[in-house]
């Protein structure tokens, strides 16, 4: 059994637990998977702007080094970087021989499957430009309809799950009705529960980044994963490999 480690680039243990639970719904032990949750040792409890995103790269690399050098590190088969800006993904690929999956790249790939136009709904206005830039860097600029952001302080909003879900629903609706998106990515690992709640509320696919990353990890490891409505609906192009 090879483990998939989900590295949380912020210091919130609750967020690590949430993303790990979502990952285990896709990567099940009966299919030969183990999921490990790893929290960085330092940094903010939530990444809300580009400065925090850039600063999280070093803690992500250090967390990966500790994991791989520690007991059982040789059982780790893939690493998922659990922030939507994919901090440290390129660096980890350069220094390890493991499959490295970023939430943004996996979710955007799933959303853009078959040339589908897609938008991003998120809670962090300070990261909207970074999300747009990441989409362009991964080759999705022509299909990405833009970023819709919920109003208000993202820290306060994430503390009220019901309100978070409704505000994200409004952002998803704007992506579809105003921007012409044919799928919508929920832009943030800590937003995974809301992404799951919204999945059946829209006629278009609502893509949760953690399940998308886990399906990608399973594919790269050559092992089956649970196929849910969160998973890819049709083969997606692999533009950044």
C-alpha atoms as a PDB file:
ATOM      1  CA  UNK A   1       0.000   0.000   0.000  1.00  0.00           C
ATOM      2  CA  UNK A   2       1.459   3.369  -1.053  1.00  0.00           C
ATOM      3  CA  UNK A   3       0.366   6.423   0.888  1.00  0.00           C
ATOM      4  CA  UNK A   4      -0.834   9.711  -0.559  1.00  0.00           C
ATOM      5  CA  UNK A   5       0.161  12.591   1.712  1.00  0.00           C
ATOM      6  CA  UNK A   6      -1.968  15.739   1.706  1.00  0.00           C
ATOM      7  CA  UNK A   7       0.220  18.655   2.811  1.00  0.00           C
ATOM      8  CA  UNK A   8      -1.746  21.576   4.200  1.00  0.00           C
ATOM      9  CA  UNK A   9       0.213  24.814   3.514  1.00  0.00           C
ATOM     10  CA  UNK A  10      -1.533  26.635   6.358  1.00  0.00           C
ATOM     11  CA  UNK A  11      -1.300  25.834  10.051  1.00  0.00           C
ATOM     12  CA  UNK A  12      -4.965  24.971  10.651  1.00  0.00           C
ATOM     13  CA  UNK A  13      -5.218  21.388  11.910  1.00  0.00           C
ATOM     14  CA  UNK A  14      -8.974  21.560  11.294  1.00  0.00           C
ATOM     15  CA  UNK A  15      -8.337  22.269   7.616  1.00  0.00           C
ATOM     16  CA  UNK A  16      -5.898  19.354   7.446  1.00  0.00           C
ATOM     17  CA  UNK A  17      -8.512  17.068   8.979  1.00  0.00           C
ATOM     18  CA  UNK A  18     -11.175  18.289   6.535  1.00  0.00           C
ATOM     19  CA  UNK A  19      -9.018  17.752   3.443  1.00  0.00           C
ATOM     20  CA  UNK A  20      -7.825  14.369   4.706  1.00  0.00           C
ATOM     21  CA  UNK A  21     -11.404  13.219   5.266  1.00  0.00           C
ATOM     22  CA  UNK A  22     -12.375  14.320   1.752  1.00  0.00           C
ATOM     23  CA  UNK A  23      -9.343  12.520   0.321  1.00  0.00           C
ATOM     24  CA  UNK A  24     -10.238   9.271   2.100  1.00  0.00           C
ATOM     25  CA  UNK A  25     -13.648   9.265   0.450  1.00  0.00           C
ATOM     26  CA  UNK A  26     -11.859   8.920  -2.900  1.00  0.00           C
ATOM     27  CA  UNK A  27      -8.682   7.043  -1.937  1.00  0.00           C
ATOM     28  CA  UNK A  28     -10.029   4.098   0.056  1.00  0.00           C
ATOM     29  CA  UNK A  29      -7.982   1.410   1.862  1.00  0.00           C
ATOM     30  CA  UNK A  30      -9.906  -1.342   0.067  1.00  0.00           C
ATOM     31  CA  UNK A  31      -8.546   0.031  -3.201  1.00  0.00           C
ATOM     32  CA  UNK A  32      -4.970  -0.054  -1.903  1.00  0.00           C
ATOM     33  CA  UNK A  33      -4.680   3.528  -0.676  1.00  0.00           C
ATOM     34  CA  UNK A  34      -3.573   5.198   2.526  1.00  0.00           C
ATOM     35  CA  UNK A  35      -4.018   8.934   3.101  1.00  0.00           C
ATOM     36  CA  UNK A  36      -1.791  10.942   5.420  1.00  0.00           C
ATOM     37  CA  UNK A  37      -2.553  14.476   6.542  1.00  0.00           C
ATOM     38  CA  UNK A  38       0.428  16.780   7.108  1.00  0.00           C
ATOM     39  CA  UNK A  39       0.294  20.329   8.480  1.00  0.00           C
ATOM     40  CA  UNK A  40       3.112  22.816   7.965  1.00  0.00           C
ATOM     41  CA  UNK A  41       4.976  23.894  11.083  1.00  0.00           C
ATOM     42  CA  UNK A  42       4.663  27.645  10.608  1.00  0.00           C
ATOM     43  CA  UNK A  43       2.656  30.287   8.797  1.00  0.00           C
ATOM     44  CA  UNK A  44      -0.876  31.707   8.889  1.00  0.00           C
ATOM     45  CA  UNK A  45      -3.985  29.587   9.604  1.00  0.00           C
ATOM     46  CA  UNK A  46      -5.389  30.638   6.215  1.00  0.00           C
ATOM     47  CA  UNK A  47      -3.722  31.818   3.006  1.00  0.00           C
ATOM     48  CA  UNK A  48      -5.582  34.952   1.952  1.00  0.00           C
ATOM     49  CA  UNK A  49      -3.165  36.896  -0.246  1.00  0.00           C
ATOM     50  CA  UNK A  50      -0.252  36.441  -2.612  1.00  0.00           C
ATOM     51  CA  UNK A  51       2.382  37.290  -0.007  1.00  0.00           C
ATOM     52  CA  UNK A  52       1.140  34.478   2.252  1.00  0.00           C
ATOM     53  CA  UNK A  53       0.983  32.137  -0.730  1.00  0.00           C
ATOM     54  CA  UNK A  54       4.611  32.836  -1.642  1.00  0.00           C
ATOM     55  CA  UNK A  55       5.710  32.549   1.988  1.00  0.00           C
ATOM     56  CA  UNK A  56       4.077  29.126   2.289  1.00  0.00           C
ATOM     57  CA  UNK A  57       6.457  27.515  -0.224  1.00  0.00           C
ATOM     58  CA  UNK A  58       9.304  27.011   2.266  1.00  0.00           C
ATOM     59  CA  UNK A  59       7.096  25.461   4.998  1.00  0.00           C
ATOM     60  CA  UNK A  60       5.595  23.100   2.386  1.00  0.00           C
ATOM     61  CA  UNK A  61       9.066  21.937   1.297  1.00  0.00           C
ATOM     62  CA  UNK A  62      10.155  21.505   4.908  1.00  0.00           C
ATOM     63  CA  UNK A  63       7.010  19.514   5.741  1.00  0.00           C
ATOM     64  CA  UNK A  64       7.633  17.224   2.767  1.00  0.00           C
ATOM     65  CA  UNK A  65      11.283  16.751   3.762  1.00  0.00           C
ATOM     66  CA  UNK A  66      10.315  15.813   7.326  1.00  0.00           C
ATOM     67  CA  UNK A  67       7.680  13.387   6.109  1.00  0.00           C
ATOM     68  CA  UNK A  68       9.864  11.627   3.558  1.00  0.00           C
ATOM     69  CA  UNK A  69      12.878  11.414   5.883  1.00  0.00           C
ATOM     70  CA  UNK A  70      10.836  10.228   8.852  1.00  0.00           C
ATOM     71  CA  UNK A  71       9.473   6.829   9.854  1.00  0.00           C
ATOM     72  CA  UNK A  72       7.440   5.342   7.030  1.00  0.00           C
ATOM     73  CA  UNK A  73       8.541   7.993   4.575  1.00  0.00           C
ATOM     74  CA  UNK A  74       9.466   5.309   2.077  1.00  0.00           C
ATOM     75  CA  UNK A  75       5.793   4.276   1.914  1.00  0.00           C
ATOM     76  CA  UNK A  76       4.717   7.661   0.522  1.00  0.00           C
ATOM     77  CA  UNK A  77       3.813   7.286  -3.144  1.00  0.00           C
ATOM     78  CA  UNK A  78       2.516  10.779  -3.978  1.00  0.00           C
ATOM     79  CA  UNK A  79       2.170  14.248  -2.468  1.00  0.00           C
ATOM     80  CA  UNK A  80      -0.863  16.515  -2.785  1.00  0.00           C
ATOM     81  CA  UNK A  81      -0.236  20.193  -2.030  1.00  0.00           C
ATOM     82  CA  UNK A  82      -3.462  21.313  -0.394  1.00  0.00           C
ATOM     83  CA  UNK A  83      -3.714  24.986  -1.348  1.00  0.00           C
ATOM     84  CA  UNK A  84      -5.306  26.299  -4.509  1.00  0.00           C
ATOM     85  CA  UNK A  85      -2.254  28.346  -5.473  1.00  0.00           C
ATOM     86  CA  UNK A  86      -0.160  25.136  -5.652  1.00  0.00           C
ATOM     87  CA  UNK A  87       2.702  26.542  -3.528  1.00  0.00           C
ATOM     88  CA  UNK A  88       5.840  24.444  -3.793  1.00  0.00           C
ATOM     89  CA  UNK A  89       4.553  22.085  -6.483  1.00  0.00           C
ATOM     90  CA  UNK A  90       7.289  22.841  -9.017  1.00  0.00           C
ATOM     91  CA  UNK A  91       9.981  22.802  -6.324  1.00  0.00           C
ATOM     92  CA  UNK A  92       8.835  19.411  -5.005  1.00  0.00           C
ATOM     93  CA  UNK A  93       8.861  17.965  -8.503  1.00  0.00           C
ATOM     94  CA  UNK A  94      12.428  19.157  -8.936  1.00  0.00           C
ATOM     95  CA  UNK A  95      13.673  17.606  -5.679  1.00  0.00           C
ATOM     96  CA  UNK A  96      11.682  14.350  -5.410  1.00  0.00           C
ATOM     97  CA  UNK A  97      10.916  11.536  -7.777  1.00  0.00           C
ATOM     98  CA  UNK A  98       7.330  11.320  -6.571  1.00  0.00           C
ATOM     99  CA  UNK A  99       4.112  12.354  -8.305  1.00  0.00           C
ATOM    100  CA  UNK A 100       3.271  15.841  -7.026  1.00  0.00           C
ATOM    101  CA  UNK A 101      -0.296  17.094  -7.456  1.00  0.00           C
ATOM    102  CA  UNK A 102      -1.498  20.648  -6.883  1.00  0.00           C
ATOM    103  CA  UNK A 103      -5.142  21.388  -6.116  1.00  0.00           C
ATOM    104  CA  UNK A 104      -5.426  24.085  -8.772  1.00  0.00           C
ATOM    105  CA  UNK A 105      -3.842  22.139 -11.601  1.00  0.00           C
ATOM    106  CA  UNK A 106      -5.942  19.045 -10.895  1.00  0.00           C
ATOM    107  CA  UNK A 107      -9.217  20.940 -10.492  1.00  0.00           C
ATOM    108  CA  UNK A 108      -8.676  23.148 -13.545  1.00  0.00           C
ATOM    109  CA  UNK A 109      -7.810  20.112 -15.633  1.00  0.00           C
ATOM    110  CA  UNK A 110     -11.019  18.384 -14.562  1.00  0.00           C
ATOM    111  CA  UNK A 111     -13.133  21.490 -15.121  1.00  0.00           C
ATOM    112  CA  UNK A 112     -11.680  22.104 -18.588  1.00  0.00           C
ATOM    113  CA  UNK A 113     -12.177  18.523 -19.752  1.00  0.00           C
ATOM    114  CA  UNK A 114     -13.128  18.300 -23.404  1.00  0.00           C
ATOM    115  CA  UNK A 115     -12.713  22.024 -24.001  1.00  0.00           C
ATOM    116  CA  UNK A 116     -15.336  23.016 -21.454  1.00  0.00           C
ATOM    117  CA  UNK A 117     -15.420  26.692 -20.391  1.00  0.00           C
ATOM    118  CA  UNK A 118     -15.097  27.024 -16.633  1.00  0.00           C
ATOM    119  CA  UNK A 119     -14.962  29.622 -13.896  1.00  0.00           C
ATOM    120  CA  UNK A 120     -13.595  29.733 -10.362  1.00  0.00           C
ATOM    121  CA  UNK A 121     -15.570  30.621  -7.242  1.00  0.00           C
ATOM    122  CA  UNK A 122     -13.605  31.460  -4.122  1.00  0.00           C
ATOM    123  CA  UNK A 123     -13.607  33.474  -0.888  1.00  0.00           C
ATOM    124  CA  UNK A 124     -10.242  35.242  -1.091  1.00  0.00           C
ATOM    125  CA  UNK A 125     -10.126  38.458  -3.146  1.00  0.00           C
ATOM    126  CA  UNK A 126      -6.414  38.763  -2.399  1.00  0.00           C
ATOM    127  CA  UNK A 127      -5.773  35.607  -4.423  1.00  0.00           C
ATOM    128  CA  UNK A 128      -8.025  36.275  -7.429  1.00  0.00           C
ATOM    129  CA  UNK A 129      -5.170  37.566  -9.565  1.00  0.00           C
ATOM    130  CA  UNK A 130      -2.972  34.632  -8.561  1.00  0.00           C
ATOM    131  CA  UNK A 131      -5.719  32.177  -9.537  1.00  0.00           C
ATOM    132  CA  UNK A 132      -6.086  33.832 -12.935  1.00  0.00           C
ATOM    133  CA  UNK A 133      -2.311  33.742 -13.407  1.00  0.00           C
ATOM    134  CA  UNK A 134      -2.133  30.077 -12.384  1.00  0.00           C
ATOM    135  CA  UNK A 135      -4.836  29.178 -14.898  1.00  0.00           C
ATOM    136  CA  UNK A 136      -2.895  30.982 -17.618  1.00  0.00           C
ATOM    137  CA  UNK A 137       0.393  29.348 -16.641  1.00  0.00           C
ATOM    138  CA  UNK A 138      -1.217  25.910 -16.868  1.00  0.00           C
ATOM    139  CA  UNK A 139      -2.561  26.657 -20.342  1.00  0.00           C
ATOM    140  CA  UNK A 140      -6.217  27.273 -19.493  1.00  0.00           C
ATOM    141  CA  UNK A 141      -6.514  31.020 -20.154  1.00  0.00           C
ATOM    142  CA  UNK A 142      -8.710  30.575 -23.230  1.00  0.00           C
ATOM    143  CA  UNK A 143     -11.263  28.478 -21.327  1.00  0.00           C
ATOM    144  CA  UNK A 144     -11.173  30.186 -17.933  1.00  0.00           C
ATOM    145  CA  UNK A 145     -14.112  32.592 -17.673  1.00  0.00           C
ATOM    146  CA  UNK A 146     -12.708  34.352 -14.616  1.00  0.00           C
ATOM    147  CA  UNK A 147     -12.885  34.405 -10.821  1.00  0.00           C
ATOM    148  CA  UNK A 148     -15.968  35.243  -8.772  1.00  0.00           C
ATOM    149  CA  UNK A 149     -15.308  36.139  -5.131  1.00  0.00           C
ATOM    150  CA  UNK A 150     -17.671  36.041  -2.180  1.00  0.00           C
ATOM    151  CA  UNK A 151     -18.110  39.345  -0.279  1.00  0.00           C
ATOM    152  CA  UNK A 152     -16.761  39.921   3.205  1.00  0.00           C
ATOM    153  CA  UNK A 153     -13.843  38.670   5.295  1.00  0.00           C
ATOM    154  CA  UNK A 154     -12.925  35.120   4.221  1.00  0.00           C
ATOM    155  CA  UNK A 155     -11.827  34.190   7.745  1.00  0.00           C
ATOM    156  CA  UNK A 156     -15.205  35.084   9.200  1.00  0.00           C
ATOM    157  CA  UNK A 157     -17.051  33.412   6.357  1.00  0.00           C
ATOM    158  CA  UNK A 158     -15.252  30.078   6.695  1.00  0.00           C
ATOM    159  CA  UNK A 159     -16.224  30.025  10.374  1.00  0.00           C
ATOM    160  CA  UNK A 160     -19.931  29.922   9.430  1.00  0.00           C
ATOM    161  CA  UNK A 161     -20.379  26.868   7.152  1.00  0.00           C
ATOM    162  CA  UNK A 162     -24.000  27.526   6.167  1.00  0.00           C
ATOM    163  CA  UNK A 163     -23.285  31.102   5.124  1.00  0.00           C
ATOM    164  CA  UNK A 164     -20.109  30.027   3.366  1.00  0.00           C
ATOM    165  CA  UNK A 165     -22.048  27.557   1.248  1.00  0.00           C
ATOM    166  CA  UNK A 166     -24.697  30.101   0.301  1.00  0.00           C
ATOM    167  CA  UNK A 167     -22.180  32.818  -0.594  1.00  0.00           C
ATOM    168  CA  UNK A 168     -20.249  30.355  -2.730  1.00  0.00           C
ATOM    169  CA  UNK A 169     -23.512  29.289  -4.365  1.00  0.00           C
ATOM    170  CA  UNK A 170     -24.052  32.901  -5.408  1.00  0.00           C
ATOM    171  CA  UNK A 171     -20.523  33.038  -6.843  1.00  0.00           C
ATOM    172  CA  UNK A 172     -21.078  29.785  -8.748  1.00  0.00           C
ATOM    173  CA  UNK A 173     -24.349  31.140 -10.120  1.00  0.00           C
ATOM    174  CA  UNK A 174     -22.569  34.285 -11.335  1.00  0.00           C
ATOM    175  CA  UNK A 175     -19.912  32.180 -13.054  1.00  0.00           C
ATOM    176  CA  UNK A 176     -22.622  30.292 -14.925  1.00  0.00           C
ATOM    177  CA  UNK A 177     -25.253  32.930 -15.619  1.00  0.00           C
ATOM    178  CA  UNK A 178     -23.067  35.994 -16.142  1.00  0.00           C
ATOM    179  CA  UNK A 179     -19.776  34.554 -17.388  1.00  0.00           C
ATOM    180  CA  UNK A 180     -21.004  31.562 -19.394  1.00  0.00           C
ATOM    181  CA  UNK A 181     -19.104  28.915 -17.458  1.00  0.00           C
ATOM    182  CA  UNK A 182     -19.960  25.282 -18.245  1.00  0.00           C
ATOM    183  CA  UNK A 183     -18.256  24.087 -15.047  1.00  0.00           C
ATOM    184  CA  UNK A 184     -17.127  25.853 -11.886  1.00  0.00           C
ATOM    185  CA  UNK A 185     -14.143  25.119  -9.672  1.00  0.00           C
ATOM    186  CA  UNK A 186     -14.381  25.893  -5.968  1.00  0.00           C
ATOM    187  CA  UNK A 187     -11.065  27.622  -5.402  1.00  0.00           C
ATOM    188  CA  UNK A 188      -9.693  26.505  -2.064  1.00  0.00           C
ATOM    189  CA  UNK A 189      -8.814  23.378  -0.118  1.00  0.00           C
ATOM    190  CA  UNK A 190     -10.554  24.624   3.054  1.00  0.00           C
ATOM    191  CA  UNK A 191     -13.736  25.061   0.963  1.00  0.00           C
ATOM    192  CA  UNK A 192     -14.022  21.339   0.322  1.00  0.00           C
ATOM    193  CA  UNK A 193     -17.140  20.748   2.398  1.00  0.00           C
ATOM    194  CA  UNK A 194     -18.939  23.604   0.659  1.00  0.00           C
ATOM    195  CA  UNK A 195     -17.869  22.248  -2.729  1.00  0.00           C
ATOM    196  CA  UNK A 196     -19.384  18.901  -1.802  1.00  0.00           C
ATOM    197  CA  UNK A 197     -22.629  20.554  -0.649  1.00  0.00           C
ATOM    198  CA  UNK A 198     -22.953  22.509  -3.908  1.00  0.00           C
ATOM    199  CA  UNK A 199     -22.296  19.590  -6.233  1.00  0.00           C
ATOM    200  CA  UNK A 200     -25.955  18.718  -6.774  1.00  0.00           C
ATOM    201  CA  UNK A 201     -27.367  22.251  -6.762  1.00  0.00           C
ATOM    202  CA  UNK A 202     -26.357  23.208 -10.288  1.00  0.00           C
ATOM    203  CA  UNK A 203     -26.853  21.804 -13.748  1.00  0.00           C
ATOM    204  CA  UNK A 204     -23.136  22.283 -14.474  1.00  0.00           C
ATOM    205  CA  UNK A 205     -20.326  20.367 -12.737  1.00  0.00           C
ATOM    206  CA  UNK A 206     -19.050  21.958  -9.523  1.00  0.00           C
ATOM    207  CA  UNK A 207     -15.495  20.716  -9.070  1.00  0.00           C
ATOM    208  CA  UNK A 208     -14.041  20.170  -5.617  1.00  0.00           C
ATOM    209  CA  UNK A 209     -10.246  20.541  -5.737  1.00  0.00           C
ATOM    210  CA  UNK A 210      -9.375  17.859  -3.182  1.00  0.00           C
ATOM    211  CA  UNK A 211     -11.309  15.035  -4.925  1.00  0.00           C
ATOM    212  CA  UNK A 212      -9.896  16.184  -8.270  1.00  0.00           C
ATOM    213  CA  UNK A 213      -6.350  15.993  -6.888  1.00  0.00           C
ATOM    214  CA  UNK A 214      -7.011  12.575  -5.396  1.00  0.00           C
ATOM    215  CA  UNK A 215      -8.273  11.178  -8.691  1.00  0.00           C
ATOM    216  CA  UNK A 216      -5.108  12.519 -10.283  1.00  0.00           C
ATOM    217  CA  UNK A 217      -2.956  10.879  -7.594  1.00  0.00           C
ATOM    218  CA  UNK A 218      -4.702   7.548  -8.128  1.00  0.00           C
ATOM    219  CA  UNK A 219      -4.167   7.791 -11.881  1.00  0.00           C
ATOM    220  CA  UNK A 220      -0.466   8.541 -11.462  1.00  0.00           C
ATOM    221  CA  UNK A 221      -0.063   5.664  -9.004  1.00  0.00           C
ATOM    222  CA  UNK A 222      -1.908   3.297 -11.317  1.00  0.00           C
ATOM    223  CA  UNK A 223      -4.514   2.397  -8.704  1.00  0.00           C
ATOM    224  CA  UNK A 224      -8.313   2.628  -8.746  1.00  0.00           C
ATOM    225  CA  UNK A 225     -10.163   5.355  -6.889  1.00  0.00           C
ATOM    226  CA  UNK A 226     -13.758   5.775  -5.928  1.00  0.00           C
ATOM    227  CA  UNK A 227     -15.682   7.359  -8.788  1.00  0.00           C
ATOM    228  CA  UNK A 228     -18.125   9.926  -7.455  1.00  0.00           C
ATOM    229  CA  UNK A 229     -19.810  12.911  -9.126  1.00  0.00           C
ATOM    230  CA  UNK A 230     -16.769  14.878  -7.899  1.00  0.00           C
ATOM    231  CA  UNK A 231     -14.566  12.889 -10.233  1.00  0.00           C
ATOM    232  CA  UNK A 232     -13.714  13.505 -13.871  1.00  0.00           C
ATOM    233  CA  UNK A 233     -16.709  13.116 -16.158  1.00  0.00           C
ATOM    234  CA  UNK A 234     -14.617  12.640 -19.283  1.00  0.00           C
ATOM    235  CA  UNK A 235     -10.897  12.419 -20.042  1.00  0.00           C
ATOM    236  CA  UNK A 236      -9.139  15.735 -19.546  1.00  0.00           C
ATOM    237  CA  UNK A 237      -6.162  17.051 -21.502  1.00  0.00           C
ATOM    238  CA  UNK A 238      -2.828  17.002 -19.699  1.00  0.00           C
ATOM    239  CA  UNK A 239      -1.336  20.317 -20.702  1.00  0.00           C
ATOM    240  CA  UNK A 240       1.350  20.870 -18.077  1.00  0.00           C
ATOM    241  CA  UNK A 241       3.108  17.541 -17.957  1.00  0.00           C
END
